[in-house]
Protein backbone atom coordinates (compact mmCIF):
# COMPACT_ATOMS: atom_id res chain seq x y z
CA MET A 1 -15.31 0.26 0.02
CA SER A 2 -14.27 4.03 0.04
CA LYS A 3 -10.51 5.16 -1.25
CA LYS A 4 -8.31 6.14 1.82
CA ASP A 5 -7.39 9.64 2.00
CA ASP A 6 -3.75 9.87 0.84
CA GLY A 7 -3.23 13.61 0.60
CA GLY A 8 -2.81 13.43 -3.12
CA PRO A 9 1.22 13.98 -3.98
CA ALA A 10 4.53 14.23 -1.68
CA PHE A 11 5.43 17.32 -4.13
CA PRO A 12 3.59 17.60 -7.40
CA ARG A 13 4.44 19.38 -10.54
CA GLY A 14 2.57 21.75 -12.52
CA ASP A 15 1.61 18.91 -14.62
CA TYR A 16 0.71 16.75 -11.87
CA GLN A 17 -2.86 15.26 -12.82
CA THR A 18 -1.46 14.06 -16.12
CA ASP A 19 0.44 10.96 -14.82
CA ASN A 20 2.65 9.44 -16.60
CA ALA A 21 2.74 5.68 -19.23
CA ALA A 22 3.31 4.11 -15.23
CA GLY A 23 0.40 5.62 -14.00
CA GLN A 24 2.93 6.83 -11.58
CA ILE A 25 3.13 10.27 -10.29
CA GLY A 26 5.67 9.88 -7.48
CA MET A 27 5.21 9.52 -3.86
CA THR A 28 1.77 10.33 -2.13
CA LEU A 29 1.74 12.49 1.24
CA ARG A 30 0.55 10.06 3.02
CA ASP A 31 3.58 7.58 2.43
CA TYR A 32 6.42 11.11 2.90
CA PHE A 33 4.65 11.25 6.42
CA ALA A 34 4.76 7.53 7.57
CA ALA A 35 8.84 7.20 6.06
CA LYS A 36 9.38 10.64 8.01
CA ALA A 37 7.31 8.98 10.95
CA MET A 38 8.84 5.70 10.11
CA ALA A 39 12.69 7.04 10.62
CA ALA A 40 12.11 8.16 14.90
CA LEU A 41 10.01 4.96 15.35
CA VAL A 42 12.78 2.79 14.28
CA ARG A 43 15.43 4.71 16.38
CA VAL A 44 12.79 2.59 19.94
CA THR A 45 11.60 -0.54 18.50
CA SER A 46 12.87 -3.38 16.51
CA ASN A 47 9.22 -4.76 16.43
CA ILE A 48 9.26 -3.44 12.19
CA PRO A 49 5.57 -4.67 11.11
CA VAL A 50 3.92 -3.23 14.52
CA THR A 51 6.22 -0.17 13.65
CA ALA A 52 5.13 0.27 9.91
CA ALA A 53 1.57 0.11 11.03
CA ASP A 54 1.73 2.62 13.22
CA ALA A 55 3.84 4.85 11.13
CA TYR A 56 1.03 5.11 8.58
CA ALA A 57 -1.35 5.22 12.63
CA MET A 58 0.26 8.92 12.21
CA ALA A 59 1.12 9.48 9.02
CA ASP A 60 -3.38 9.34 8.57
CA ALA A 61 -3.17 11.16 11.94
CA MET A 62 -1.33 14.34 10.21
CA LEU A 63 -3.68 13.95 6.98
CA ALA A 64 -6.62 14.28 9.71
CA ALA A 65 -5.20 17.11 11.47
CA ARG A 66 -3.98 18.72 8.26
CA GLU A 67 -7.13 18.66 7.05
CA ALA A 68 -8.82 20.07 10.24
CA LYS A 69 -6.85 23.08 10.28
CA GLN A 70 -8.37 23.94 6.39
């Protein structure tokens, strides 16, 4: 199984390649995009599990569009 493209860190520092002791590099770009989408989607629905899945689908589409543009 291949790893899903997460876009890398959303807010990288110059040394982000060297993970801290917990192995954390912070929020991924995919998570950041999904959070932004979720904020808009949650206003029009009350089905949070479906809305969360839709937010990540939108984030994946944004990452794909971003990659296609490069």
